[in-house]
Amino acid sequence: RVLMCWCELRGGFRNFRSDRITDAELLG
């Protein structure tokens, strides 16, 4: 599964494989 995102660190679109996401926190 690939999570499609806008990444604040890179200032652009980035895609992340869900099996390589080691931790996630839903912000308010």
mmCIF file of all heavy atoms, coordinates in Angstrom:
data_MODEL
# 
_entry.id   MODEL 
# 
loop_
_atom_site.group_PDB 
_atom_site.id 
_atom_site.type_symbol 
_atom_site.label_atom_id 
_atom_site.label_alt_id 
_atom_site.label_comp_id 
_atom_site.label_asym_id 
_atom_site.label_entity_id 
_atom_site.label_seq_id 
_atom_site.pdbx_PDB_ins_code 
_atom_site.Cartn_x 
_atom_site.Cartn_y 
_atom_site.Cartn_z 
_atom_site.occupancy 
_atom_site.B_iso_or_equiv 
_atom_site.pdbx_formal_charge 
_atom_site.auth_seq_id 
_atom_site.auth_comp_id 
_atom_site.auth_asym_id 
_atom_site.auth_atom_id 
_atom_site.pdbx_PDB_model_num 
ATOM 1   N N   . ARG A 1 1  ? 0.859  -1.175 0.000  1.00 0.00 ? 1  ARG A N   1 
ATOM 2   C CA  . ARG A 1 1  ? 0.000  0.000  0.000  1.00 0.00 ? 1  ARG A CA  1 
ATOM 3   C C   . ARG A 1 1  ? 0.902  1.233  0.000  1.00 0.00 ? 1  ARG A C   1 
ATOM 4   O O   . ARG A 1 1  ? 1.902  1.278  0.728  1.00 0.00 ? 1  ARG A O   1 
ATOM 5   C CB  . ARG A 1 1  ? -0.917 0.040  1.236  1.00 0.00 ? 1  ARG A CB  1 
ATOM 6   C CG  . ARG A 1 1  ? -1.603 -1.285 1.554  1.00 0.00 ? 1  ARG A CG  1 
ATOM 7   C CD  . ARG A 1 1  ? -2.561 -1.730 0.479  1.00 0.00 ? 1  ARG A CD  1 
ATOM 8   N NE  . ARG A 1 1  ? -3.236 -2.967 0.841  1.00 0.00 ? 1  ARG A NE  1 
ATOM 9   C CZ  . ARG A 1 1  ? -3.080 -4.105 0.196  1.00 0.00 ? 1  ARG A CZ  1 
ATOM 10  N NH1 . ARG A 1 1  ? -2.237 -4.166 -0.817 1.00 0.00 ? 1  ARG A NH1 1 
ATOM 11  N NH2 . ARG A 1 1  ? -3.734 -5.194 0.560  1.00 0.00 ? 1  ARG A NH2 1 
ATOM 12  N N   . VAL A 1 2  ? 0.559  2.224  -0.806 1.00 0.00 ? 2  VAL A N   1 
ATOM 13  C CA  . VAL A 1 2  ? 1.367  3.434  -0.903 1.00 0.00 ? 2  VAL A CA  1 
ATOM 14  C C   . VAL A 1 2  ? 0.532  4.632  -0.451 1.00 0.00 ? 2  VAL A C   1 
ATOM 15  O O   . VAL A 1 2  ? -0.547 4.873  -0.991 1.00 0.00 ? 2  VAL A O   1 
ATOM 16  C CB  . VAL A 1 2  ? 1.883  3.646  -2.340 1.00 0.00 ? 2  VAL A CB  1 
ATOM 17  C CG1 . VAL A 1 2  ? 2.612  4.980  -2.453 1.00 0.00 ? 2  VAL A CG1 1 
ATOM 18  C CG2 . VAL A 1 2  ? 2.811  2.508  -2.744 1.00 0.00 ? 2  VAL A CG2 1 
ATOM 19  N N   . LEU A 1 3  ? 1.027  5.343  0.545  1.00 0.00 ? 3  LEU A N   1 
ATOM 20  C CA  . LEU A 1 3  ? 0.362  6.529  1.057  1.00 0.00 ? 3  LEU A CA  1 
ATOM 21  C C   . LEU A 1 3  ? 0.864  7.735  0.274  1.00 0.00 ? 3  LEU A C   1 
ATOM 22  O O   . LEU A 1 3  ? 2.066  8.040  0.270  1.00 0.00 ? 3  LEU A O   1 
ATOM 23  C CB  . LEU A 1 3  ? 0.669  6.701  2.542  1.00 0.00 ? 3  LEU A CB  1 
ATOM 24  C CG  . LEU A 1 3  ? -0.087 7.814  3.283  1.00 0.00 ? 3  LEU A CG  1 
ATOM 25  C CD1 . LEU A 1 3  ? -1.572 7.495  3.372  1.00 0.00 ? 3  LEU A CD1 1 
ATOM 26  C CD2 . LEU A 1 3  ? 0.504  8.016  4.684  1.00 0.00 ? 3  LEU A CD2 1 
ATOM 27  N N   . MET A 1 4  ? -0.051 8.423  -0.394 1.00 0.00 ? 4  MET A N   1 
ATOM 28  C CA  . MET A 1 4  ? 0.308  9.592  -1.190 1.00 0.00 ? 4  MET A CA  1 
ATOM 29  C C   . MET A 1 4  ? 0.113  10.842 -0.341 1.00 0.00 ? 4  MET A C   1 
ATOM 30  O O   . MET A 1 4  ? -0.946 11.041 0.267  1.00 0.00 ? 4  MET A O   1 
ATOM 31  C CB  . MET A 1 4  ? -0.561 9.653  -2.455 1.00 0.00 ? 4  MET A CB  1 
ATOM 32  C CG  . MET A 1 4  ? -0.402 8.438  -3.346 1.00 0.00 ? 4  MET A CG  1 
ATOM 33  S SD  . MET A 1 4  ? -1.452 8.509  -4.816 1.00 0.00 ? 4  MET A SD  1 
ATOM 34  C CE  . MET A 1 4  ? -0.696 9.881  -5.703 1.00 0.00 ? 4  MET A CE  1 
ATOM 35  N N   . CYS A 1 5  ? 1.140  11.687 -0.304 1.00 0.00 ? 5  CYS A N   1 
ATOM 36  C CA  . CYS A 1 5  ? 1.148  12.820 0.624  1.00 0.00 ? 5  CYS A CA  1 
ATOM 37  C C   . CYS A 1 5  ? 1.813  14.043 0.003  1.00 0.00 ? 5  CYS A C   1 
ATOM 38  O O   . CYS A 1 5  ? 2.596  13.946 -0.950 1.00 0.00 ? 5  CYS A O   1 
ATOM 39  C CB  . CYS A 1 5  ? 1.942  12.477 1.899  1.00 0.00 ? 5  CYS A CB  1 
ATOM 40  S SG  . CYS A 1 5  ? 1.453  10.985 2.759  1.00 0.00 ? 5  CYS A SG  1 
ATOM 41  N N   . TRP A 1 6  ? 1.527  15.183 0.638  1.00 0.00 ? 6  TRP A N   1 
ATOM 42  C CA  . TRP A 1 6  ? 2.361  16.366 0.508  1.00 0.00 ? 6  TRP A CA  1 
ATOM 43  C C   . TRP A 1 6  ? 3.269  16.366 1.732  1.00 0.00 ? 6  TRP A C   1 
ATOM 44  O O   . TRP A 1 6  ? 2.800  16.289 2.864  1.00 0.00 ? 6  TRP A O   1 
ATOM 45  C CB  . TRP A 1 6  ? 1.533  17.636 0.464  1.00 0.00 ? 6  TRP A CB  1 
ATOM 46  C CG  . TRP A 1 6  ? 2.369  18.888 0.480  1.00 0.00 ? 6  TRP A CG  1 
ATOM 47  C CD1 . TRP A 1 6  ? 2.791  19.580 1.580  1.00 0.00 ? 6  TRP A CD1 1 
ATOM 48  C CD2 . TRP A 1 6  ? 2.920  19.567 -0.653 1.00 0.00 ? 6  TRP A CD2 1 
ATOM 49  N NE1 . TRP A 1 6  ? 3.554  20.657 1.212  1.00 0.00 ? 6  TRP A NE1 1 
ATOM 50  C CE2 . TRP A 1 6  ? 3.663  20.678 -0.151 1.00 0.00 ? 6  TRP A CE2 1 
ATOM 51  C CE3 . TRP A 1 6  ? 2.863  19.358 -2.026 1.00 0.00 ? 6  TRP A CE3 1 
ATOM 52  C CZ2 . TRP A 1 6  ? 4.321  21.558 -0.993 1.00 0.00 ? 6  TRP A CZ2 1 
ATOM 53  C CZ3 . TRP A 1 6  ? 3.533  20.240 -2.855 1.00 0.00 ? 6  TRP A CZ3 1 
ATOM 54  C CH2 . TRP A 1 6  ? 4.249  21.327 -2.349 1.00 0.00 ? 6  TRP A CH2 1 
ATOM 55  N N   . CYS A 1 7  ? 4.579  16.440 1.509  1.00 0.00 ? 7  CYS A N   1 
ATOM 56  C CA  . CYS A 1 7  ? 5.548  16.351 2.603  1.00 0.00 ? 7  CYS A CA  1 
ATOM 57  C C   . CYS A 1 7  ? 6.046  17.748 2.961  1.00 0.00 ? 7  CYS A C   1 
ATOM 58  O O   . CYS A 1 7  ? 6.601  18.459 2.113  1.00 0.00 ? 7  CYS A O   1 
ATOM 59  C CB  . CYS A 1 7  ? 6.719  15.459 2.180  1.00 0.00 ? 7  CYS A CB  1 
ATOM 60  S SG  . CYS A 1 7  ? 8.040  15.350 3.406  1.00 0.00 ? 7  CYS A SG  1 
ATOM 61  N N   . GLU A 1 8  ? 5.877  18.156 4.226  1.00 0.00 ? 8  GLU A N   1 
ATOM 62  C CA  . GLU A 1 8  ? 6.318  19.472 4.655  1.00 0.00 ? 8  GLU A CA  1 
ATOM 63  C C   . GLU A 1 8  ? 7.844  19.558 4.656  1.00 0.00 ? 8  GLU A C   1 
ATOM 64  O O   . GLU A 1 8  ? 8.418  20.615 4.365  1.00 0.00 ? 8  GLU A O   1 
ATOM 65  C CB  . GLU A 1 8  ? 5.760  19.785 6.044  1.00 0.00 ? 8  GLU A CB  1 
ATOM 66  C CG  . GLU A 1 8  ? 4.243  19.993 6.062  1.00 0.00 ? 8  GLU A CG  1 
ATOM 67  C CD  . GLU A 1 8  ? 3.738  20.473 7.416  1.00 0.00 ? 8  GLU A CD  1 
ATOM 68  O OE1 . GLU A 1 8  ? 4.556  20.559 8.366  1.00 0.00 ? 8  GLU A OE1 1 
ATOM 69  O OE2 . GLU A 1 8  ? 2.523  20.757 7.523  1.00 0.00 ? 8  GLU A OE2 1 
ATOM 70  N N   . LEU A 1 9  ? 8.527  18.466 4.959  1.00 0.00 ? 9  LEU A N   1 
ATOM 71  C CA  . LEU A 1 9  ? 9.987  18.479 5.006  1.00 0.00 ? 9  LEU A CA  1 
ATOM 72  C C   . LEU A 1 9  ? 10.577 18.763 3.628  1.00 0.00 ? 9  LEU A C   1 
ATOM 73  O O   . LEU A 1 9  ? 11.514 19.547 3.490  1.00 0.00 ? 9  LEU A O   1 
ATOM 74  C CB  . LEU A 1 9  ? 10.508 17.133 5.528  1.00 0.00 ? 9  LEU A CB  1 
ATOM 75  C CG  . LEU A 1 9  ? 12.024 16.964 5.571  1.00 0.00 ? 9  LEU A CG  1 
ATOM 76  C CD1 . LEU A 1 9  ? 12.630 17.943 6.584  1.00 0.00 ? 9  LEU A CD1 1 
ATOM 77  C CD2 . LEU A 1 9  ? 12.390 15.512 5.920  1.00 0.00 ? 9  LEU A CD2 1 
ATOM 78  N N   . ARG A 1 10 ? 10.021 18.136 2.590  1.00 0.00 ? 10 ARG A N   1 
ATOM 79  C CA  . ARG A 1 10 ? 10.548 18.299 1.235  1.00 0.00 ? 10 ARG A CA  1 
ATOM 80  C C   . ARG A 1 10 ? 9.834  19.376 0.443  1.00 0.00 ? 10 ARG A C   1 
ATOM 81  O O   . ARG A 1 10 ? 10.287 19.752 -0.643 1.00 0.00 ? 10 ARG A O   1 
ATOM 82  C CB  . ARG A 1 10 ? 10.450 16.970 0.479  1.00 0.00 ? 10 ARG A CB  1 
ATOM 83  C CG  . ARG A 1 10 ? 11.182 15.810 1.136  1.00 0.00 ? 10 ARG A CG  1 
ATOM 84  C CD  . ARG A 1 10 ? 12.643 16.139 1.390  1.00 0.00 ? 10 ARG A CD  1 
ATOM 85  N NE  . ARG A 1 10 ? 13.358 14.987 1.932  1.00 0.00 ? 10 ARG A NE  1 
ATOM 86  C CZ  . ARG A 1 10 ? 14.538 15.053 2.504  1.00 0.00 ? 10 ARG A CZ  1 
ATOM 87  N NH1 . ARG A 1 10 ? 15.157 16.234 2.632  1.00 0.00 ? 10 ARG A NH1 1 
ATOM 88  N NH2 . ARG A 1 10 ? 15.122 13.963 2.977  1.00 0.00 ? 10 ARG A NH2 1 
ATOM 89  N N   . GLY A 1 11 ? 8.711  19.867 0.953  1.00 0.00 ? 11 GLY A N   1 
ATOM 90  C CA  . GLY A 1 11 ? 7.974  20.896 0.235  1.00 0.00 ? 11 GLY A CA  1 
ATOM 91  C C   . GLY A 1 11 ? 7.443  20.427 -1.101 1.00 0.00 ? 11 GLY A C   1 
ATOM 92  O O   . GLY A 1 11 ? 7.429  21.178 -2.079 1.00 0.00 ? 11 GLY A O   1 
ATOM 93  N N   . GLY A 1 12 ? 7.000  19.165 -1.166 1.00 0.00 ? 12 GLY A N   1 
ATOM 94  C CA  . GLY A 1 12 ? 6.486  18.620 -2.418 1.00 0.00 ? 12 GLY A CA  1 
ATOM 95  C C   . GLY A 1 12 ? 5.772  17.304 -2.193 1.00 0.00 ? 12 GLY A C   1 
ATOM 96  O O   . GLY A 1 12 ? 5.675  16.803 -1.065 1.00 0.00 ? 12 GLY A O   1 
ATOM 97  N N   . PHE A 1 13 ? 5.288  16.731 -3.278 1.00 0.00 ? 13 PHE A N   1 
ATOM 98  C CA  . PHE A 1 13 ? 4.577  15.464 -3.203 1.00 0.00 ? 13 PHE A CA  1 
ATOM 99  C C   . PHE A 1 13 ? 5.564  14.321 -2.981 1.00 0.00 ? 13 PHE A C   1 
ATOM 100 O O   . PHE A 1 13 ? 6.611  14.242 -3.641 1.00 0.00 ? 13 PHE A O   1 
ATOM 101 C CB  . PHE A 1 13 ? 3.793  15.218 -4.494 1.00 0.00 ? 13 PHE A CB  1 
ATOM 102 C CG  . PHE A 1 13 ? 2.631  16.170 -4.678 1.00 0.00 ? 13 PHE A CG  1 
ATOM 103 C CD1 . PHE A 1 13 ? 2.710  17.195 -5.607 1.00 0.00 ? 13 PHE A CD1 1 
ATOM 104 C CD2 . PHE A 1 13 ? 1.483  16.038 -3.918 1.00 0.00 ? 13 PHE A CD2 1 
ATOM 105 C CE1 . PHE A 1 13 ? 1.657  18.076 -5.778 1.00 0.00 ? 13 PHE A CE1 1 
ATOM 106 C CE2 . PHE A 1 13 ? 0.422  16.912 -4.076 1.00 0.00 ? 13 PHE A CE2 1 
ATOM 107 C CZ  . PHE A 1 13 ? 0.506  17.935 -5.008 1.00 0.00 ? 13 PHE A CZ  1 
ATOM 108 N N   . ARG A 1 14 ? 5.233  13.440 -2.050 1.00 0.00 ? 14 ARG A N   1 
ATOM 109 C CA  . ARG A 1 14 ? 6.022  12.257 -1.775 1.00 0.00 ? 14 ARG A CA  1 
ATOM 110 C C   . ARG A 1 14 ? 5.081  11.082 -1.517 1.00 0.00 ? 14 ARG A C   1 
ATOM 111 O O   . ARG A 1 14 ? 3.969  11.258 -1.034 1.00 0.00 ? 14 ARG A O   1 
ATOM 112 C CB  . ARG A 1 14 ? 6.934  12.467 -0.557 1.00 0.00 ? 14 ARG A CB  1 
ATOM 113 C CG  . ARG A 1 14 ? 8.016  13.522 -0.765 1.00 0.00 ? 14 ARG A CG  1 
ATOM 114 C CD  . ARG A 1 14 ? 9.030  13.093 -1.802 1.00 0.00 ? 14 ARG A CD  1 
ATOM 115 N NE  . ARG A 1 14 ? 10.159 13.996 -1.915 1.00 0.00 ? 14 ARG A NE  1 
ATOM 116 C CZ  . ARG A 1 14 ? 10.192 15.068 -2.720 1.00 0.00 ? 14 ARG A CZ  1 
ATOM 117 N NH1 . ARG A 1 14 ? 9.143  15.368 -3.467 1.00 0.00 ? 14 ARG A NH1 1 
ATOM 118 N NH2 . ARG A 1 14 ? 11.270 15.826 -2.771 1.00 0.00 ? 14 ARG A NH2 1 
ATOM 119 N N   . ASN A 1 15 ? 5.571  9.867  -1.846 1.00 0.00 ? 15 ASN A N   1 
ATOM 120 C CA  . ASN A 1 15 ? 4.791  8.658  -1.653 1.00 0.00 ? 15 ASN A CA  1 
ATOM 121 C C   . ASN A 1 15 ? 5.540  7.726  -0.708 1.00 0.00 ? 15 ASN A C   1 
ATOM 122 O O   . ASN A 1 15 ? 6.762  7.570  -0.818 1.00 0.00 ? 15 ASN A O   1 
ATOM 123 C CB  . ASN A 1 15 ? 4.549  7.957  -2.996 1.00 0.00 ? 15 ASN A CB  1 
ATOM 124 C CG  . ASN A 1 15 ? 3.908  8.897  -4.005 1.00 0.00 ? 15 ASN A CG  1 
ATOM 125 O OD1 . ASN A 1 15 ? 2.937  9.572  -3.699 1.00 0.00 ? 15 ASN A OD1 1 
ATOM 126 N ND2 . ASN A 1 15 ? 4.459  8.950  -5.214 1.00 0.00 ? 15 ASN A ND2 1 
ATOM 127 N N   . PHE A 1 16 ? 4.811  7.095  0.212  1.00 0.00 ? 16 PHE A N   1 
ATOM 128 C CA  . PHE A 1 16 ? 5.429  6.291  1.255  1.00 0.00 ? 16 PHE A CA  1 
ATOM 129 C C   . PHE A 1 16 ? 4.794  4.913  1.321  1.00 0.00 ? 16 PHE A C   1 
ATOM 130 O O   . PHE A 1 16 ? 3.577  4.800  1.492  1.00 0.00 ? 16 PHE A O   1 
ATOM 131 C CB  . PHE A 1 16 ? 5.280  6.981  2.621  1.00 0.00 ? 16 PHE A CB  1 
ATOM 132 C CG  . PHE A 1 16 ? 5.864  8.366  2.674  1.00 0.00 ? 16 PHE A CG  1 
ATOM 133 C CD1 . PHE A 1 16 ? 5.080  9.474  2.399  1.00 0.00 ? 16 PHE A CD1 1 
ATOM 134 C CD2 . PHE A 1 16 ? 7.200  8.554  2.992  1.00 0.00 ? 16 PHE A CD2 1 
ATOM 135 C CE1 . PHE A 1 16 ? 5.607  10.759 2.435  1.00 0.00 ? 16 PHE A CE1 1 
ATOM 136 C CE2 . PHE A 1 16 ? 7.734  9.835  3.036  1.00 0.00 ? 16 PHE A CE2 1 
ATOM 137 C CZ  . PHE A 1 16 ? 6.948  10.938 2.752  1.00 0.00 ? 16 PHE A CZ  1 
ATOM 138 N N   . ARG A 1 17 ? 5.606  3.878  1.172  1.00 0.00 ? 17 ARG A N   1 
ATOM 139 C CA  . ARG A 1 17 ? 5.102  2.521  1.341  1.00 0.00 ? 17 ARG A CA  1 
ATOM 140 C C   . ARG A 1 17 ? 4.679  2.326  2.790  1.00 0.00 ? 17 ARG A C   1 
ATOM 141 O O   . ARG A 1 17 ? 5.448  2.611  3.723  1.00 0.00 ? 17 ARG A O   1 
ATOM 142 C CB  . ARG A 1 17 ? 6.178  1.507  0.962  1.00 0.00 ? 17 ARG A CB  1 
ATOM 143 C CG  . ARG A 1 17 ? 6.317  1.299  -0.526 1.00 0.00 ? 17 ARG A CG  1 
ATOM 144 C CD  . ARG A 1 17 ? 7.412  0.334  -0.891 1.00 0.00 ? 17 ARG A CD  1 
ATOM 145 N NE  . ARG A 1 17 ? 7.429  -0.883 -0.089 1.00 0.00 ? 17 ARG A NE  1 
ATOM 146 C CZ  . ARG A 1 17 ? 8.044  -2.009 -0.466 1.00 0.00 ? 17 ARG A CZ  1 
ATOM 147 N NH1 . ARG A 1 17 ? 8.665  -2.054 -1.637 1.00 0.00 ? 17 ARG A NH1 1 
ATOM 148 N NH2 . ARG A 1 17 ? 8.046  -3.071 0.311  1.00 0.00 ? 17 ARG A NH2 1 
ATOM 149 N N   . SER A 1 18 ? 3.475  1.814  2.986  1.00 0.00 ? 18 SER A N   1 
ATOM 150 C CA  . SER A 1 18 ? 2.963  1.690  4.349  1.00 0.00 ? 18 SER A CA  1 
ATOM 151 C C   . SER A 1 18 ? 3.777  0.694  5.175  1.00 0.00 ? 18 SER A C   1 
ATOM 152 O O   . SER A 1 18 ? 3.865  0.847  6.402  1.00 0.00 ? 18 SER A O   1 
ATOM 153 C CB  . SER A 1 18 ? 1.489  1.272  4.319  1.00 0.00 ? 18 SER A CB  1 
ATOM 154 O OG  . SER A 1 18 ? 1.335  0.002  3.717  1.00 0.00 ? 18 SER A OG  1 
ATOM 155 N N   . ASP A 1 19 ? 4.389  -0.316 4.529  1.00 0.00 ? 19 ASP A N   1 
ATOM 156 C CA  . ASP A 1 19 ? 5.171  -1.282 5.297  1.00 0.00 ? 19 ASP A CA  1 
ATOM 157 C C   . ASP A 1 19 ? 6.514  -0.706 5.740  1.00 0.00 ? 19 ASP A C   1 
ATOM 158 O O   . ASP A 1 19 ? 7.230  -1.342 6.525  1.00 0.00 ? 19 ASP A O   1 
ATOM 159 C CB  . ASP A 1 19 ? 5.389  -2.556 4.474  1.00 0.00 ? 19 ASP A CB  1 
ATOM 160 C CG  . ASP A 1 19 ? 6.116  -2.294 3.169  1.00 0.00 ? 19 ASP A CG  1 
ATOM 161 O OD1 . ASP A 1 19 ? 5.568  -1.548 2.338  1.00 0.00 ? 19 ASP A OD1 1 
ATOM 162 O OD2 . ASP A 1 19 ? 7.229  -2.830 2.977  1.00 0.00 ? 19 ASP A OD2 1 
ATOM 163 N N   . ARG A 1 20 ? 6.863  0.503  5.260  1.00 0.00 ? 20 ARG A N   1 
ATOM 164 C CA  . ARG A 1 20 ? 8.105  1.148  5.685  1.00 0.00 ? 20 ARG A CA  1 
ATOM 165 C C   . ARG A 1 20 ? 7.837  2.326  6.628  1.00 0.00 ? 20 ARG A C   1 
ATOM 166 O O   . ARG A 1 20 ? 8.767  3.019  7.036  1.00 0.00 ? 20 ARG A O   1 
ATOM 167 C CB  . ARG A 1 20 ? 8.903  1.615  4.463  1.00 0.00 ? 20 ARG A CB  1 
ATOM 168 C CG  . ARG A 1 20 ? 9.495  0.435  3.694  1.00 0.00 ? 20 ARG A CG  1 
ATOM 169 C CD  . ARG A 1 20 ? 10.286 0.868  2.494  1.00 0.00 ? 20 ARG A CD  1 
ATOM 170 N NE  . ARG A 1 20 ? 10.881 -0.296 1.831  1.00 0.00 ? 20 ARG A NE  1 
ATOM 171 C CZ  . ARG A 1 20 ? 11.272 -0.317 0.570  1.00 0.00 ? 20 ARG A CZ  1 
ATOM 172 N NH1 . ARG A 1 20 ? 11.147 0.774  -0.171 1.00 0.00 ? 20 ARG A NH1 1 
ATOM 173 N NH2 . ARG A 1 20 ? 11.792 -1.403 0.051  1.00 0.00 ? 20 ARG A NH2 1 
ATOM 174 N N   . ILE A 1 21 ? 6.569  2.570  6.929  1.00 0.00 ? 21 ILE A N   1 
ATOM 175 C CA  . ILE A 1 21 ? 6.231  3.560  7.947  1.00 0.00 ? 21 ILE A CA  1 
ATOM 176 C C   . ILE A 1 21 ? 6.315  2.859  9.300  1.00 0.00 ? 21 ILE A C   1 
ATOM 177 O O   . ILE A 1 21 ? 5.552  1.925  9.577  1.00 0.00 ? 21 ILE A O   1 
ATOM 178 C CB  . ILE A 1 21 ? 4.821  4.136  7.729  1.00 0.00 ? 21 ILE A CB  1 
ATOM 179 C CG1 . ILE A 1 21 ? 4.750  4.845  6.369  1.00 0.00 ? 21 ILE A CG1 1 
ATOM 180 C CG2 . ILE A 1 21 ? 4.465  5.115  8.852  1.00 0.00 ? 21 ILE A CG2 1 
ATOM 181 C CD1 . ILE A 1 21 ? 3.350  5.348  6.015  1.00 0.00 ? 21 ILE A CD1 1 
ATOM 182 N N   . THR A 1 22 ? 7.267  3.266  10.118 1.00 0.00 ? 22 THR A N   1 
ATOM 183 C CA  . THR A 1 22 ? 7.507  2.567  11.393 1.00 0.00 ? 22 THR A CA  1 
ATOM 184 C C   . THR A 1 22 ? 6.690  3.147  12.543 1.00 0.00 ? 22 THR A C   1 
ATOM 185 O O   . THR A 1 22 ? 6.514  2.491  13.569 1.00 0.00 ? 22 THR A O   1 
ATOM 186 C CB  . THR A 1 22 ? 8.994  2.609  11.752 1.00 0.00 ? 22 THR A CB  1 
ATOM 187 O OG1 . THR A 1 22 ? 9.435  3.980  11.837 1.00 0.00 ? 22 THR A OG1 1 
ATOM 188 C CG2 . THR A 1 22 ? 9.821  1.890  10.683 1.00 0.00 ? 22 THR A CG2 1 
ATOM 189 N N   . ASP A 1 23 ? 6.190  4.367  12.367 1.00 0.00 ? 23 ASP A N   1 
ATOM 190 C CA  . ASP A 1 23 ? 5.374  4.975  13.425 1.00 0.00 ? 23 ASP A CA  1 
ATOM 191 C C   . ASP A 1 23 ? 4.557  6.095  12.789 1.00 0.00 ? 23 ASP A C   1 
ATOM 192 O O   . ASP A 1 23 ? 4.999  6.716  11.810 1.00 0.00 ? 23 ASP A O   1 
ATOM 193 C CB  . ASP A 1 23 ? 6.256  5.537  14.543 1.00 0.00 ? 23 ASP A CB  1 
ATOM 194 C CG  . ASP A 1 23 ? 5.429  5.972  15.749 1.00 0.00 ? 23 ASP A CG  1 
ATOM 195 O OD1 . ASP A 1 23 ? 4.497  5.245  16.121 1.00 0.00 ? 23 ASP A OD1 1 
ATOM 196 O OD2 . ASP A 1 23 ? 5.705  7.060  16.302 1.00 0.00 ? 23 ASP A OD2 1 
ATOM 197 N N   . ALA A 1 24 ? 3.376  6.332  13.321 1.00 0.00 ? 24 ALA A N   1 
ATOM 198 C CA  . ALA A 1 24 ? 2.522  7.406  12.792 1.00 0.00 ? 24 ALA A CA  1 
ATOM 199 C C   . ALA A 1 24 ? 1.658  7.963  13.900 1.00 0.00 ? 24 ALA A C   1 
ATOM 200 O O   . ALA A 1 24 ? 1.154  7.219  14.754 1.00 0.00 ? 24 ALA A O   1 
ATOM 201 C CB  . ALA A 1 24 ? 1.650  6.880  11.651 1.00 0.00 ? 24 ALA A CB  1 
ATOM 202 N N   . GLU A 1 25 ? 1.489  9.270  13.880 1.00 0.00 ? 25 GLU A N   1 
ATOM 203 C CA  . GLU A 1 25 ? 0.661  9.958  14.867 1.00 0.00 ? 25 GLU A CA  1 
ATOM 204 C C   . GLU A 1 25 ? -0.284 10.912 14.133 1.00 0.00 ? 25 GLU A C   1 
ATOM 205 O O   . GLU A 1 25 ? 0.159  11.747 13.346 1.00 0.00 ? 25 GLU A O   1 
ATOM 206 C CB  . GLU A 1 25 ? 1.527  10.746 15.847 1.00 0.00 ? 25 GLU A CB  1 
ATOM 207 C CG  . GLU A 1 25 ? 0.734  11.539 16.860 1.00 0.00 ? 25 GLU A CG  1 
ATOM 208 C CD  . GLU A 1 25 ? 1.599  12.458 17.692 1.00 0.00 ? 25 GLU A CD  1 
ATOM 209 O OE1 . GLU A 1 25 ? 2.851  12.460 17.493 1.00 0.00 ? 25 GLU A OE1 1 
ATOM 210 O OE2 . GLU A 1 25 ? 1.044  13.199 18.531 1.00 0.00 ? 25 GLU A OE2 1 
ATOM 211 N N   . LEU A 1 26 ? -1.562 10.759 14.400 1.00 0.00 ? 26 LEU A N   1 
ATOM 212 C CA  . LEU A 1 26 ? -2.557 11.649 13.808 1.00 0.00 ? 26 LEU A CA  1 
ATOM 213 C C   . LEU A 1 26 ? -2.568 12.958 14.577 1.00 0.00 ? 26 LEU A C   1 
ATOM 214 O O   . LEU A 1 26 ? -2.844 12.972 15.785 1.00 0.00 ? 26 LEU A O   1 
ATOM 215 C CB  . LEU A 1 26 ? -3.944 10.992 13.854 1.00 0.00 ? 26 LEU A CB  1 
ATOM 216 C CG  . LEU A 1 26 ? -5.087 11.743 13.169 1.00 0.00 ? 26 LEU A CG  1 
ATOM 217 C CD1 . LEU A 1 26 ? -4.839 11.871 11.669 1.00 0.00 ? 26 LEU A CD1 1 
ATOM 218 C CD2 . LEU A 1 26 ? -6.412 11.036 13.422 1.00 0.00 ? 26 LEU A CD2 1 
ATOM 219 N N   . LEU A 1 27 ? -2.234 14.036 13.892 1.00 0.00 ? 27 LEU A N   1 
ATOM 220 C CA  . LEU A 1 27 ? -2.178 15.337 14.552 1.00 0.00 ? 27 LEU A CA  1 
ATOM 221 C C   . LEU A 1 27 ? -3.556 15.996 14.574 1.00 0.00 ? 27 LEU A C   1 
ATOM 222 O O   . LEU A 1 27 ? -4.421 15.678 13.768 1.00 0.00 ? 27 LEU A O   1 
ATOM 223 C CB  . LEU A 1 27 ? -1.167 16.241 13.830 1.00 0.00 ? 27 LEU A CB  1 
ATOM 224 C CG  . LEU A 1 27 ? 0.256  15.677 13.730 1.00 0.00 ? 27 LEU A CG  1 
ATOM 225 C CD1 . LEU A 1 27 ? 1.169  16.655 12.991 1.00 0.00 ? 27 LEU A CD1 1 
ATOM 226 C CD2 . LEU A 1 27 ? 0.821  15.364 15.119 1.00 0.00 ? 27 LEU A CD2 1 
ATOM 227 N N   . GLY A 1 28 ? -3.742 16.907 15.483 1.00 0.00 ? 28 GLY A N   1 
ATOM 228 C CA  . GLY A 1 28 ? -5.049 17.549 15.612 1.00 0.00 ? 28 GLY A CA  1 
ATOM 229 C C   . GLY A 1 28 ? -5.284 18.665 14.611 1.00 0.00 ? 28 GLY A C   1 
ATOM 230 O O   . GLY A 1 28 ? -6.340 19.293 14.629 1.00 0.00 ? 28 GLY A O   1 
# 
